Amino acid sequence: MERAKALLWDNDGILVDTEPLYMGVTRDIMAEVGVGLSVDEFREISLERGQSCFELVRNAGFEEVEIDRLRDRRDAAYHARVSSGVPLMKGARETLEALHGKIPMAIVTSSHPEDLYAIHRAHALEVFFDAVVASGDYVRHKPHPDPYLEGAARLGVDPQSCVAVEDTQRGMRAALAAGMECWVIPHALSEDSDFTGAHRILDNISEVEGLIL
């Protein structure tokens, strides 16, 4: 690829340290009905396949109405938790500040908008992004390409001229399916996933600035 024309960021696990929190809240809610959730199950179901971990509750014989109730409770508990404050990933602010104004940037996430905005307002991150694509802005979630195609469209850039920065296999698959170059920054929950197909695997977010510019 020649110099990228846009940079599209995943949010959770790339800019903000929320993946362990999301897993923990989900695990706690599931435990209330006696269904466990291991790290390996979370990685395989959520971070790789892009499905809901509540499928384990369904497999345990619970009806959809109970699953919906548990999901609503999880979503409310997670929103309350992120609204009380979550940390940025190390180097995230410095990298965004260095790139701001030098290349169009967007957020492309599966997060609910209310969770995303609560976190970004707390850290004053809104100024860095020219577009935000969150849950509800597309039909099919990652690993489908829809979120990234929407992000490119909102920036007015050809997807093939974009670089996506991801932390999960489902996100990588979405970016690649959209025709984008994808750089992966694994973390503790995703580092054992198969990232075959990624154009780069980075150690930390601070590497992005030099590679982009």
N, C-alpha and C. Protein backbone atom coordinates (compact mmCIF):
# COMPACT_ATOMS: atom_id res chain seq x y z
N MET A 1 0.84 -1.21 0.00
CA MET A 1 0.00 0.00 0.00
C MET A 1 0.87 1.25 0.00
N GLU A 2 0.47 2.24 -0.84
CA GLU A 2 1.09 3.55 -0.73
C GLU A 2 0.62 4.17 0.59
N ARG A 3 1.05 5.37 0.85
CA ARG A 3 0.68 6.00 2.13
C ARG A 3 -0.82 5.93 2.35
N ALA A 4 -1.22 5.44 3.53
CA ALA A 4 -2.64 5.30 3.84
C ALA A 4 -3.33 6.65 3.82
N LYS A 5 -4.61 6.64 3.37
CA LYS A 5 -5.39 7.87 3.31
C LYS A 5 -6.30 8.03 4.52
N ALA A 6 -6.45 6.96 5.31
CA ALA A 6 -7.27 7.05 6.52
C ALA A 6 -6.87 5.94 7.48
N LEU A 7 -7.10 6.20 8.75
CA LEU A 7 -6.76 5.25 9.82
C LEU A 7 -8.02 4.98 10.62
N LEU A 8 -8.43 3.71 10.66
CA LEU A 8 -9.65 3.32 11.36
C LEU A 8 -9.29 2.48 12.57
N TRP A 9 -9.73 2.95 13.73
CA TRP A 9 -9.37 2.33 15.00
C TRP A 9 -10.52 1.50 15.55
N ASP A 10 -10.22 0.28 15.98
CA ASP A 10 -11.10 -0.38 16.92
C ASP A 10 -10.97 0.37 18.24
N ASN A 11 -11.92 0.16 19.14
CA ASN A 11 -11.91 0.90 20.40
C ASN A 11 -11.47 0.04 21.58
N ASP A 12 -12.28 -0.97 21.91
CA ASP A 12 -12.03 -1.79 23.10
C ASP A 12 -10.80 -2.67 22.90
N GLY A 13 -9.84 -2.54 23.78
CA GLY A 13 -8.63 -3.33 23.68
C GLY A 13 -7.54 -2.69 22.85
N ILE A 14 -7.89 -1.61 22.13
CA ILE A 14 -6.91 -0.85 21.35
C ILE A 14 -6.69 0.52 21.97
N LEU A 15 -7.77 1.25 22.19
CA LEU A 15 -7.67 2.58 22.79
C LEU A 15 -7.99 2.57 24.28
N VAL A 16 -8.94 1.74 24.68
CA VAL A 16 -9.36 1.70 26.09
C VAL A 16 -9.28 0.26 26.59
N ASP A 17 -8.92 0.13 27.86
CA ASP A 17 -8.66 -1.20 28.44
C ASP A 17 -9.96 -1.77 29.03
N THR A 18 -10.86 -2.18 28.13
CA THR A 18 -12.19 -2.63 28.56
C THR A 18 -12.48 -4.10 28.31
N GLU A 19 -11.66 -4.79 27.53
CA GLU A 19 -11.97 -6.19 27.22
C GLU A 19 -12.05 -7.06 28.48
N PRO A 20 -11.08 -6.98 29.40
CA PRO A 20 -11.22 -7.79 30.62
C PRO A 20 -12.44 -7.42 31.45
N LEU A 21 -12.78 -6.14 31.45
CA LEU A 21 -13.95 -5.68 32.19
C LEU A 21 -15.23 -6.27 31.60
N TYR A 22 -15.34 -6.22 30.28
CA TYR A 22 -16.53 -6.75 29.61
C TYR A 22 -16.67 -8.25 29.88
N MET A 23 -15.56 -8.97 29.79
CA MET A 23 -15.60 -10.40 30.08
C MET A 23 -16.01 -10.64 31.52
N GLY A 24 -15.47 -9.87 32.45
CA GLY A 24 -15.78 -10.07 33.86
C GLY A 24 -17.23 -9.82 34.19
N VAL A 25 -17.80 -8.76 33.64
CA VAL A 25 -19.21 -8.47 33.89
C VAL A 25 -20.09 -9.56 33.30
N THR A 26 -19.76 -10.01 32.09
CA THR A 26 -20.52 -11.09 31.45
C THR A 26 -20.43 -12.36 32.27
N ARG A 27 -19.25 -12.69 32.72
CA ARG A 27 -19.03 -13.90 33.53
C ARG A 27 -19.83 -13.85 34.82
N ASP A 28 -19.86 -12.69 35.47
CA ASP A 28 -20.58 -12.56 36.74
C ASP A 28 -22.08 -12.75 36.55
N ILE A 29 -22.62 -12.19 35.49
CA ILE A 29 -24.06 -12.32 35.23
C ILE A 29 -24.41 -13.76 34.89
N MET A 30 -23.59 -14.42 34.09
CA MET A 30 -23.84 -15.81 33.74
C MET A 30 -23.74 -16.72 34.96
N ALA A 31 -22.84 -16.39 35.86
CA ALA A 31 -22.66 -17.21 37.06
C ALA A 31 -23.91 -17.22 37.94
N GLU A 32 -24.72 -16.17 37.84
CA GLU A 32 -25.94 -16.10 38.64
C GLU A 32 -26.92 -17.23 38.30
N VAL A 33 -26.81 -17.77 37.07
CA VAL A 33 -27.69 -18.89 36.69
C VAL A 33 -26.88 -20.19 36.58
N GLY A 34 -25.67 -20.18 37.16
CA GLY A 34 -24.89 -21.40 37.23
C GLY A 34 -24.15 -21.78 35.97
N VAL A 35 -23.93 -20.83 35.08
CA VAL A 35 -23.21 -21.11 33.83
C VAL A 35 -21.85 -20.41 33.89
N GLY A 36 -20.79 -21.16 33.68
CA GLY A 36 -19.44 -20.60 33.75
C GLY A 36 -18.99 -20.01 32.43
N LEU A 37 -17.95 -19.19 32.50
CA LEU A 37 -17.34 -18.60 31.30
C LEU A 37 -15.84 -18.52 31.52
N SER A 38 -15.09 -19.34 30.80
CA SER A 38 -13.64 -19.33 30.93
C SER A 38 -13.02 -18.33 29.95
N VAL A 39 -11.76 -18.01 30.16
CA VAL A 39 -11.04 -17.12 29.25
C VAL A 39 -11.03 -17.70 27.85
N ASP A 40 -10.78 -19.00 27.74
CA ASP A 40 -10.73 -19.64 26.42
C ASP A 40 -12.08 -19.56 25.72
N GLU A 41 -13.16 -19.75 26.47
CA GLU A 41 -14.49 -19.64 25.88
C GLU A 41 -14.78 -18.22 25.43
N PHE A 42 -14.42 -17.24 26.24
CA PHE A 42 -14.63 -15.85 25.87
C PHE A 42 -13.84 -15.51 24.61
N ARG A 43 -12.59 -15.94 24.56
CA ARG A 43 -11.76 -15.66 23.38
C ARG A 43 -12.37 -16.28 22.13
N GLU A 44 -12.75 -17.55 22.22
CA GLU A 44 -13.24 -18.26 21.03
C GLU A 44 -14.60 -17.73 20.58
N ILE A 45 -15.51 -17.52 21.51
CA ILE A 45 -16.87 -17.12 21.14
C ILE A 45 -16.94 -15.64 20.78
N SER A 46 -16.41 -14.79 21.64
CA SER A 46 -16.56 -13.35 21.46
C SER A 46 -15.48 -12.74 20.58
N LEU A 47 -14.22 -12.99 20.92
CA LEU A 47 -13.13 -12.29 20.24
C LEU A 47 -12.76 -12.90 18.89
N GLU A 48 -13.08 -14.17 18.70
CA GLU A 48 -12.75 -14.79 17.42
C GLU A 48 -13.98 -14.94 16.52
N ARG A 49 -15.05 -15.49 17.04
CA ARG A 49 -16.25 -15.69 16.21
C ARG A 49 -17.15 -14.47 16.17
N GLY A 50 -17.04 -13.60 17.14
CA GLY A 50 -17.91 -12.43 17.17
C GLY A 50 -19.33 -12.75 17.55
N GLN A 51 -19.53 -13.78 18.38
CA GLN A 51 -20.86 -14.19 18.82
C GLN A 51 -21.04 -13.84 20.30
N SER A 52 -22.24 -14.05 20.79
CA SER A 52 -22.55 -13.76 22.18
C SER A 52 -22.21 -14.93 23.08
N CYS A 53 -21.56 -14.65 24.19
CA CYS A 53 -21.25 -15.70 25.16
C CYS A 53 -22.51 -16.26 25.81
N PHE A 54 -23.63 -15.58 25.66
CA PHE A 54 -24.88 -16.09 26.21
C PHE A 54 -25.37 -17.33 25.46
N GLU A 55 -24.67 -17.70 24.38
CA GLU A 55 -25.00 -18.98 23.74
C GLU A 55 -24.73 -20.14 24.70
N LEU A 56 -23.81 -19.95 25.63
CA LEU A 56 -23.56 -20.98 26.64
C LEU A 56 -24.75 -21.12 27.58
N VAL A 57 -25.42 -20.02 27.85
CA VAL A 57 -26.63 -20.07 28.66
C VAL A 57 -27.75 -20.77 27.90
N ARG A 58 -27.84 -20.48 26.61
CA ARG A 58 -28.83 -21.16 25.76
C ARG A 58 -28.56 -22.66 25.72
N ASN A 59 -27.29 -23.01 25.58
CA ASN A 59 -26.93 -24.44 25.52
C ASN A 59 -27.22 -25.16 26.84
N ALA A 60 -27.28 -24.39 27.93
CA ALA A 60 -27.60 -24.98 29.24
C ALA A 60 -29.09 -25.17 29.44
N GLY A 61 -29.89 -24.78 28.44
CA GLY A 61 -31.32 -25.06 28.48
C GLY A 61 -32.21 -23.89 28.86
N PHE A 62 -31.66 -22.70 28.95
CA PHE A 62 -32.47 -21.55 29.34
C PHE A 62 -33.23 -21.00 28.14
N GLU A 63 -34.42 -20.47 28.40
CA GLU A 63 -35.27 -19.91 27.36
C GLU A 63 -34.77 -18.52 26.94
N GLU A 64 -35.20 -18.10 25.74
CA GLU A 64 -34.74 -16.82 25.20
C GLU A 64 -35.14 -15.65 26.09
N VAL A 65 -36.30 -15.72 26.73
CA VAL A 65 -36.73 -14.61 27.58
C VAL A 65 -35.78 -14.42 28.76
N GLU A 66 -35.26 -15.52 29.30
CA GLU A 66 -34.29 -15.43 30.40
C GLU A 66 -32.95 -14.92 29.89
N ILE A 67 -32.55 -15.36 28.70
CA ILE A 67 -31.30 -14.89 28.11
C ILE A 67 -31.37 -13.39 27.85
N ASP A 68 -32.50 -12.91 27.34
CA ASP A 68 -32.66 -11.48 27.10
C ASP A 68 -32.59 -10.69 28.40
N ARG A 69 -33.17 -11.25 29.46
CA ARG A 69 -33.13 -10.58 30.76
C ARG A 69 -31.69 -10.48 31.27
N LEU A 70 -30.94 -11.56 31.13
CA LEU A 70 -29.55 -11.56 31.58
C LEU A 70 -28.70 -10.60 30.74
N ARG A 71 -28.96 -10.57 29.45
CA ARG A 71 -28.19 -9.66 28.58
C ARG A 71 -28.47 -8.21 28.95
N ASP A 72 -29.74 -7.89 29.21
CA ASP A 72 -30.08 -6.52 29.61
C ASP A 72 -29.39 -6.14 30.91
N ARG A 73 -29.34 -7.07 31.85
CA ARG A 73 -28.70 -6.81 33.13
C ARG A 73 -27.19 -6.63 32.94
N ARG A 74 -26.61 -7.46 32.08
CA ARG A 74 -25.17 -7.31 31.79
C ARG A 74 -24.90 -5.96 31.16
N ASP A 75 -25.70 -5.56 30.18
CA ASP A 75 -25.47 -4.29 29.51
C ASP A 75 -25.58 -3.12 30.49
N ALA A 76 -26.55 -3.19 31.39
CA ALA A 76 -26.72 -2.12 32.37
C ALA A 76 -25.54 -2.08 33.34
N ALA A 77 -25.10 -3.25 33.78
CA ALA A 77 -23.97 -3.32 34.71
C ALA A 77 -22.69 -2.84 34.05
N TYR A 78 -22.49 -3.20 32.78
CA TYR A 78 -21.29 -2.77 32.07
C TYR A 78 -21.30 -1.25 31.87
N HIS A 79 -22.46 -0.71 31.50
CA HIS A 79 -22.53 0.73 31.29
C HIS A 79 -22.23 1.48 32.58
N ALA A 80 -22.78 0.99 33.70
CA ALA A 80 -22.51 1.63 34.98
C ALA A 80 -21.02 1.58 35.31
N ARG A 81 -20.39 0.46 34.97
CA ARG A 81 -18.97 0.30 35.27
C ARG A 81 -18.12 1.23 34.42
N VAL A 82 -18.36 1.30 33.11
CA VAL A 82 -17.52 2.14 32.27
C VAL A 82 -17.78 3.62 32.54
N SER A 83 -18.99 3.94 33.00
CA SER A 83 -19.31 5.33 33.30
C SER A 83 -18.57 5.82 34.54
N SER A 84 -18.11 4.87 35.36
CA SER A 84 -17.37 5.25 36.56
C SER A 84 -15.88 5.44 36.28
N GLY A 85 -15.47 5.14 35.04
CA GLY A 85 -14.08 5.38 34.64
C GLY A 85 -13.31 4.12 34.29
N VAL A 86 -12.68 4.12 33.12
CA VAL A 86 -11.82 3.02 32.69
C VAL A 86 -10.54 3.62 32.12
N PRO A 87 -9.43 2.92 32.23
CA PRO A 87 -8.17 3.48 31.75
C PRO A 87 -7.98 3.36 30.25
N LEU A 88 -7.22 4.29 29.70
CA LEU A 88 -6.77 4.17 28.32
C LEU A 88 -5.68 3.12 28.24
N MET A 89 -5.52 2.53 27.06
CA MET A 89 -4.38 1.66 26.83
C MET A 89 -3.11 2.51 26.82
N LYS A 90 -2.03 1.94 27.27
CA LYS A 90 -0.76 2.67 27.36
C LYS A 90 -0.36 3.21 25.99
N GLY A 91 -0.10 4.50 25.92
CA GLY A 91 0.35 5.13 24.69
C GLY A 91 -0.76 5.59 23.77
N ALA A 92 -2.02 5.31 24.12
CA ALA A 92 -3.12 5.64 23.21
C ALA A 92 -3.26 7.14 23.00
N ARG A 93 -3.33 7.91 24.09
CA ARG A 93 -3.51 9.36 23.93
C ARG A 93 -2.34 9.99 23.17
N GLU A 94 -1.14 9.61 23.52
CA GLU A 94 0.03 10.18 22.86
C GLU A 94 0.01 9.90 21.36
N THR A 95 -0.40 8.69 20.99
CA THR A 95 -0.45 8.33 19.58
C THR A 95 -1.54 9.12 18.85
N LEU A 96 -2.70 9.24 19.46
CA LEU A 96 -3.78 10.00 18.84
C LEU A 96 -3.40 11.47 18.68
N GLU A 97 -2.76 12.03 19.69
CA GLU A 97 -2.33 13.42 19.61
C GLU A 97 -1.32 13.63 18.48
N ALA A 98 -0.41 12.68 18.33
CA ALA A 98 0.63 12.80 17.30
C ALA A 98 0.05 12.69 15.89
N LEU A 99 -1.02 11.92 15.73
CA LEU A 99 -1.60 11.70 14.40
C LEU A 99 -2.73 12.66 14.07
N HIS A 100 -3.28 13.32 15.06
CA HIS A 100 -4.41 14.21 14.85
C HIS A 100 -4.07 15.33 13.87
N GLY A 101 -4.90 15.49 12.84
CA GLY A 101 -4.68 16.51 11.84
C GLY A 101 -3.76 16.11 10.72
N LYS A 102 -3.13 14.94 10.84
CA LYS A 102 -2.19 14.49 9.82
C LYS A 102 -2.79 13.42 8.93
N ILE A 103 -3.86 12.75 9.41
CA ILE A 103 -4.54 11.72 8.63
C ILE A 103 -5.97 11.60 9.18
N PRO A 104 -6.97 11.47 8.31
CA PRO A 104 -8.33 11.28 8.81
C PRO A 104 -8.42 10.00 9.66
N MET A 105 -9.15 10.08 10.77
CA MET A 105 -9.27 8.93 11.66
C MET A 105 -10.72 8.72 12.06
N ALA A 106 -11.07 7.45 12.24
CA ALA A 106 -12.42 7.08 12.67
C ALA A 106 -12.34 5.97 13.69
N ILE A 107 -13.39 5.88 14.50
CA ILE A 107 -13.59 4.75 15.40
C ILE A 107 -14.55 3.79 14.72
N VAL A 108 -14.23 2.50 14.72
CA VAL A 108 -15.13 1.47 14.20
C VAL A 108 -15.23 0.39 15.27
N THR A 109 -16.37 0.34 15.95
CA THR A 109 -16.49 -0.51 17.13
C THR A 109 -17.83 -1.24 17.16
N SER A 110 -17.85 -2.33 17.91
CA SER A 110 -19.10 -3.06 18.17
C SER A 110 -19.76 -2.59 19.46
N SER A 111 -19.16 -1.63 20.12
CA SER A 111 -19.69 -1.13 21.39
C SER A 111 -21.00 -0.38 21.17
N HIS A 112 -21.83 -0.38 22.21
CA HIS A 112 -23.03 0.45 22.18
C HIS A 112 -22.60 1.91 22.26
N PRO A 113 -23.28 2.80 21.54
CA PRO A 113 -22.87 4.21 21.53
C PRO A 113 -22.80 4.84 22.92
N GLU A 114 -23.76 4.48 23.80
CA GLU A 114 -23.76 5.11 25.12
C GLU A 114 -22.52 4.73 25.93
N ASP A 115 -22.02 3.50 25.73
CA ASP A 115 -20.79 3.10 26.42
C ASP A 115 -19.59 3.81 25.82
N LEU A 116 -19.53 3.85 24.51
CA LEU A 116 -18.43 4.50 23.82
C LEU A 116 -18.31 5.96 24.21
N TYR A 117 -19.43 6.68 24.17
CA TYR A 117 -19.38 8.11 24.44
C TYR A 117 -19.08 8.41 25.90
N ALA A 118 -19.54 7.55 26.80
CA ALA A 118 -19.22 7.76 28.21
C ALA A 118 -17.72 7.69 28.44
N ILE A 119 -17.07 6.73 27.80
CA ILE A 119 -15.62 6.57 27.95
C ILE A 119 -14.88 7.71 27.27
N HIS A 120 -15.28 8.05 26.05
CA HIS A 120 -14.56 9.07 25.30
C HIS A 120 -14.73 10.46 25.91
N ARG A 121 -15.91 10.75 26.45
CA ARG A 121 -16.09 12.04 27.12
C ARG A 121 -15.19 12.15 28.34
N ALA A 122 -15.07 11.04 29.08
CA ALA A 122 -14.25 11.06 30.29
C ALA A 122 -12.79 11.36 29.98
N HIS A 123 -12.33 10.91 28.81
CA HIS A 123 -10.93 11.10 28.43
C HIS A 123 -10.75 12.19 27.38
N ALA A 124 -11.85 12.86 27.01
CA ALA A 124 -11.81 13.91 25.99
C ALA A 124 -11.16 13.42 24.69
N LEU A 125 -11.63 12.29 24.21
CA LEU A 125 -11.07 11.70 22.99
C LEU A 125 -11.82 12.13 21.73
N GLU A 126 -13.02 12.73 21.88
CA GLU A 126 -13.85 13.00 20.70
C GLU A 126 -13.15 13.85 19.65
N VAL A 127 -12.31 14.75 20.08
CA VAL A 127 -11.67 15.70 19.16
C VAL A 127 -10.78 15.02 18.13
N PHE A 128 -10.33 13.82 18.42
CA PHE A 128 -9.36 13.17 17.54
C PHE A 128 -9.98 12.51 16.31
N PHE A 129 -11.31 12.33 16.29
CA PHE A 129 -11.92 11.48 15.27
C PHE A 129 -12.85 12.25 14.34
N ASP A 130 -12.74 11.93 13.05
CA ASP A 130 -13.57 12.55 12.04
C ASP A 130 -14.89 11.81 11.84
N ALA A 131 -14.98 10.59 12.34
CA ALA A 131 -16.21 9.80 12.24
C ALA A 131 -16.19 8.73 13.33
N VAL A 132 -17.38 8.33 13.74
CA VAL A 132 -17.54 7.27 14.72
C VAL A 132 -18.60 6.30 14.21
N VAL A 133 -18.26 5.02 14.15
CA VAL A 133 -19.20 3.97 13.75
C VAL A 133 -19.32 3.00 14.92
N ALA A 134 -20.53 2.87 15.46
CA ALA A 134 -20.77 2.02 16.62
C ALA A 134 -21.95 1.10 16.35
N SER A 135 -22.25 0.24 17.31
CA SER A 135 -23.37 -0.68 17.17
C SER A 135 -24.64 0.11 16.86
N GLY A 136 -25.39 -0.37 15.87
CA GLY A 136 -26.58 0.32 15.41
C GLY A 136 -26.36 1.08 14.12
N ASP A 137 -25.09 1.27 13.74
CA ASP A 137 -24.77 2.00 12.51
C ASP A 137 -24.60 1.08 11.31
N TYR A 138 -24.79 -0.21 11.49
CA TYR A 138 -24.62 -1.20 10.43
C TYR A 138 -25.50 -2.40 10.75
N VAL A 139 -25.68 -3.27 9.75
CA VAL A 139 -26.57 -4.42 9.92
C VAL A 139 -25.83 -5.58 10.56
N ARG A 140 -24.66 -5.91 10.02
CA ARG A 140 -23.91 -7.08 10.48
C ARG A 140 -22.66 -6.63 11.23
N HIS A 141 -22.46 -7.21 12.41
CA HIS A 141 -21.30 -6.89 13.24
C HIS A 141 -20.04 -7.58 12.70
N LYS A 142 -18.90 -7.15 13.21
CA LYS A 142 -17.65 -7.87 12.96
C LYS A 142 -17.86 -9.34 13.37
N PRO A 143 -17.38 -10.31 12.60
CA PRO A 143 -16.33 -10.27 11.58
C PRO A 143 -16.81 -9.93 10.17
N HIS A 144 -18.05 -9.52 10.00
CA HIS A 144 -18.51 -9.06 8.68
C HIS A 144 -17.87 -7.70 8.37
N PRO A 145 -17.75 -7.35 7.11
CA PRO A 145 -17.06 -6.11 6.75
C PRO A 145 -17.87 -4.85 6.95
N ASP A 146 -19.17 -4.97 7.22
CA ASP A 146 -20.07 -3.82 7.24
C ASP A 146 -19.57 -2.64 8.08
N PRO A 147 -19.10 -2.87 9.33
CA PRO A 147 -18.65 -1.73 10.13
C PRO A 147 -17.52 -0.95 9.48
N TYR A 148 -16.55 -1.65 8.91
CA TYR A 148 -15.42 -0.96 8.30
C TYR A 148 -15.80 -0.29 6.98
N LEU A 149 -16.68 -0.91 6.22
CA LEU A 149 -17.15 -0.26 5.00
C LEU A 149 -17.90 1.03 5.33
N GLU A 150 -18.68 1.00 6.41
CA GLU A 150 -19.37 2.21 6.84
C GLU A 150 -18.38 3.28 7.29
N GLY A 151 -17.34 2.87 7.99
CA GLY A 151 -16.33 3.82 8.42
C GLY A 151 -15.64 4.50 7.26
N ALA A 152 -15.26 3.73 6.24
CA ALA A 152 -14.63 4.30 5.06
C ALA A 152 -15.57 5.25 4.33
N ALA A 153 -16.84 4.85 4.25
CA ALA A 153 -17.83 5.70 3.57
C ALA A 153 -17.99 7.04 4.28
N ARG A 154 -18.01 7.02 5.60
CA ARG A 154 -18.19 8.27 6.35
C ARG A 154 -16.98 9.19 6.22
N LEU A 155 -15.82 8.60 5.99
CA LEU A 155 -14.62 9.41 5.77
C LEU A 155 -14.46 9.80 4.31
N GLY A 156 -15.25 9.17 3.42
CA GLY A 156 -15.15 9.45 2.00
C GLY A 156 -13.87 8.93 1.38
N VAL A 157 -13.42 7.77 1.87
CA VAL A 157 -12.16 7.19 1.43
C VAL A 157 -12.39 5.77 0.92
N ASP A 158 -11.70 5.38 -0.14
CA ASP A 158 -11.76 4.01 -0.64
C ASP A 158 -11.26 3.07 0.45
N PRO A 159 -12.02 1.99 0.75
CA PRO A 159 -11.56 1.05 1.79
C PRO A 159 -10.15 0.53 1.56
N GLN A 160 -9.76 0.35 0.31
CA GLN A 160 -8.44 -0.19 0.02
C GLN A 160 -7.32 0.80 0.32
N SER A 161 -7.68 2.04 0.62
CA SER A 161 -6.68 3.04 1.00
C SER A 161 -6.61 3.25 2.51
N CYS A 162 -7.33 2.39 3.25
CA CYS A 162 -7.41 2.53 4.71
C CYS A 162 -6.56 1.49 5.43
N VAL A 163 -6.10 1.87 6.61
CA VAL A 163 -5.49 0.93 7.55
C VAL A 163 -6.42 0.83 8.76
N ALA A 164 -6.72 -0.41 9.15
CA ALA A 164 -7.50 -0.67 10.35
C ALA A 164 -6.58 -1.22 11.43
N VAL A 165 -6.78 -0.76 12.67
CA VAL A 165 -5.98 -1.22 13.80
C VAL A 165 -6.89 -2.01 14.73
N GLU A 166 -6.57 -3.28 14.93
CA GLU A 166 -7.44 -4.20 15.65
C GLU A 166 -6.67 -4.98 16.71
N ASP A 167 -7.45 -5.59 17.63
CA ASP A 167 -6.86 -6.41 18.67
C ASP A 167 -7.40 -7.84 18.68
N THR A 168 -8.42 -8.12 17.85
CA THR A 168 -9.06 -9.43 17.88
C THR A 168 -9.12 -10.05 16.49
N GLN A 169 -9.31 -11.36 16.48
CA GLN A 169 -9.44 -12.05 15.20
C GLN A 169 -10.70 -11.61 14.47
N ARG A 170 -11.81 -11.45 15.19
CA ARG A 170 -13.05 -11.04 14.51
C ARG A 170 -12.88 -9.67 13.86
N GLY A 171 -12.19 -8.76 14.54
CA GLY A 171 -11.96 -7.45 13.97
C GLY A 171 -11.05 -7.50 12.77
N MET A 172 -9.99 -8.29 12.85
CA MET A 172 -9.09 -8.47 11.72
C MET A 172 -9.84 -9.01 10.52
N ARG A 173 -10.67 -10.01 10.73
CA ARG A 173 -11.42 -10.60 9.62
C ARG A 173 -12.37 -9.59 8.99
N ALA A 174 -12.96 -8.73 9.82
CA ALA A 174 -13.85 -7.69 9.30
C ALA A 174 -13.09 -6.70 8.41
N ALA A 175 -11.93 -6.26 8.89
CA ALA A 175 -11.14 -5.29 8.13
C ALA A 175 -10.65 -5.89 6.82
N LEU A 176 -10.17 -7.13 6.87
CA LEU A 176 -9.68 -7.78 5.65
C LEU A 176 -10.81 -7.99 4.66
N ALA A 177 -11.98 -8.36 5.16
CA ALA A 177 -13.12 -8.57 4.28
C ALA A 177 -13.57 -7.27 3.62
N ALA A 178 -13.29 -6.15 4.29
CA ALA A 178 -13.61 -4.84 3.72
C ALA A 178 -12.56 -4.37 2.72
N GLY A 179 -11.48 -5.15 2.56
CA GLY A 179 -10.43 -4.79 1.62
C GLY A 179 -9.37 -3.89 2.19
N MET A 180 -9.33 -3.76 3.51
CA MET A 180 -8.38 -2.86 4.16
C MET A 180 -7.10 -3.58 4.58
N GLU A 181 -6.04 -2.81 4.74
CA GLU A 181 -4.86 -3.32 5.41
C GLU A 181 -5.16 -3.36 6.90
N CYS A 182 -4.74 -4.42 7.58
CA CYS A 182 -5.05 -4.54 9.00
C CYS A 182 -3.78 -4.78 9.81
N TRP A 183 -3.60 -3.94 10.83
CA TRP A 183 -2.52 -4.10 11.79
C TRP A 183 -3.13 -4.55 13.11
N VAL A 184 -2.54 -5.55 13.71
CA VAL A 184 -3.09 -6.14 14.94
C VAL A 184 -2.15 -5.87 16.11
N ILE A 185 -2.75 -5.45 17.22
CA ILE A 185 -2.02 -5.29 18.48
C ILE A 185 -2.66 -6.23 19.49
N PRO A 186 -2.15 -7.45 19.65
CA PRO A 186 -2.76 -8.40 20.59
C PRO A 186 -2.58 -7.95 22.04
N HIS A 187 -3.49 -8.42 22.89
CA HIS A 187 -3.36 -8.21 24.33
C HIS A 187 -3.54 -9.56 25.02
N ALA A 188 -3.60 -9.55 26.34
CA ALA A 188 -3.59 -10.81 27.10
C ALA A 188 -4.74 -11.74 26.72
N LEU A 189 -5.90 -11.18 26.39
CA LEU A 189 -7.05 -12.03 26.08
C LEU A 189 -7.05 -12.52 24.63
N SER A 190 -6.33 -11.83 23.76
CA SER A 190 -6.37 -12.21 22.34
C SER A 190 -5.06 -12.75 21.79
N GLU A 191 -4.00 -12.75 22.58
CA GLU A 191 -2.68 -13.06 22.05
C GLU A 191 -2.55 -14.50 21.54
N ASP A 192 -3.43 -15.41 21.99
CA ASP A 192 -3.35 -16.79 21.52
C ASP A 192 -4.21 -17.04 20.29
N SER A 193 -4.85 -16.01 19.76
CA SER A 193 -5.67 -16.17 18.56
C SER A 193 -4.79 -16.28 17.32
N ASP A 194 -5.37 -16.77 16.25
CA ASP A 194 -4.67 -16.92 14.98
C ASP A 194 -4.85 -15.63 14.17
N PHE A 195 -3.79 -14.90 13.96
CA PHE A 195 -3.86 -13.66 13.22
C PHE A 195 -3.25 -13.79 11.82
N THR A 196 -3.31 -14.98 11.27
CA THR A 196 -2.87 -15.18 9.90
C THR A 196 -3.68 -14.27 8.98
N GLY A 197 -3.00 -13.53 8.15
CA GLY A 197 -3.66 -12.60 7.25
C GLY A 197 -3.43 -11.15 7.62
N ALA A 198 -3.07 -10.91 8.89
CA ALA A 198 -2.76 -9.53 9.31
C ALA A 198 -1.54 -9.03 8.55
N HIS A 199 -1.58 -7.77 8.16
CA HIS A 199 -0.45 -7.19 7.44
C HIS A 199 0.72 -6.88 8.37
N ARG A 200 0.40 -6.55 9.61
CA ARG A 200 1.43 -6.32 10.62
C ARG A 200 0.88 -6.76 11.97
N ILE A 201 1.75 -7.28 12.82
CA ILE A 201 1.41 -7.55 14.21
C ILE A 201 2.38 -6.71 15.05
N LEU A 202 1.81 -5.77 15.81
CA LEU A 202 2.60 -4.81 16.55
C LEU A 202 2.66 -5.17 18.03
N ASP A 203 3.68 -4.67 18.69
CA ASP A 203 3.82 -4.90 20.13
C ASP A 203 3.00 -3.90 20.94
N ASN A 204 2.86 -2.69 20.42
CA ASN A 204 2.12 -1.67 21.16
C ASN A 204 1.63 -0.59 20.22
N ILE A 205 0.72 0.25 20.71
CA ILE A 205 0.09 1.26 19.87
C ILE A 205 1.06 2.36 19.46
N SER A 206 2.12 2.55 20.20
CA SER A 206 3.07 3.61 19.89
C SER A 206 3.77 3.40 18.55
N GLU A 207 3.76 2.17 18.04
CA GLU A 207 4.39 1.88 16.75
C GLU A 207 3.60 2.44 15.59
N VAL A 208 2.30 2.70 15.80
CA VAL A 208 1.44 3.10 14.68
C VAL A 208 1.88 4.43 14.08
N GLU A 209 2.24 5.39 14.90
CA GLU A 209 2.61 6.72 14.39
C GLU A 209 3.70 6.66 13.34
N GLY A 210 4.80 6.00 13.66
CA GLY A 210 5.91 5.93 12.73
C GLY A 210 5.57 5.19 11.45
N LEU A 211 4.77 4.13 11.55
CA LEU A 211 4.41 3.35 10.38
C LEU A 211 3.46 4.12 9.47
N ILE A 212 2.53 4.86 10.04
CA ILE A 212 1.57 5.62 9.25
C ILE A 212 2.22 6.82 8.57
N LEU A 213 3.06 7.53 9.31
CA LEU A 213 3.63 8.78 8.78
C LEU A 213 4.91 8.55 7.99
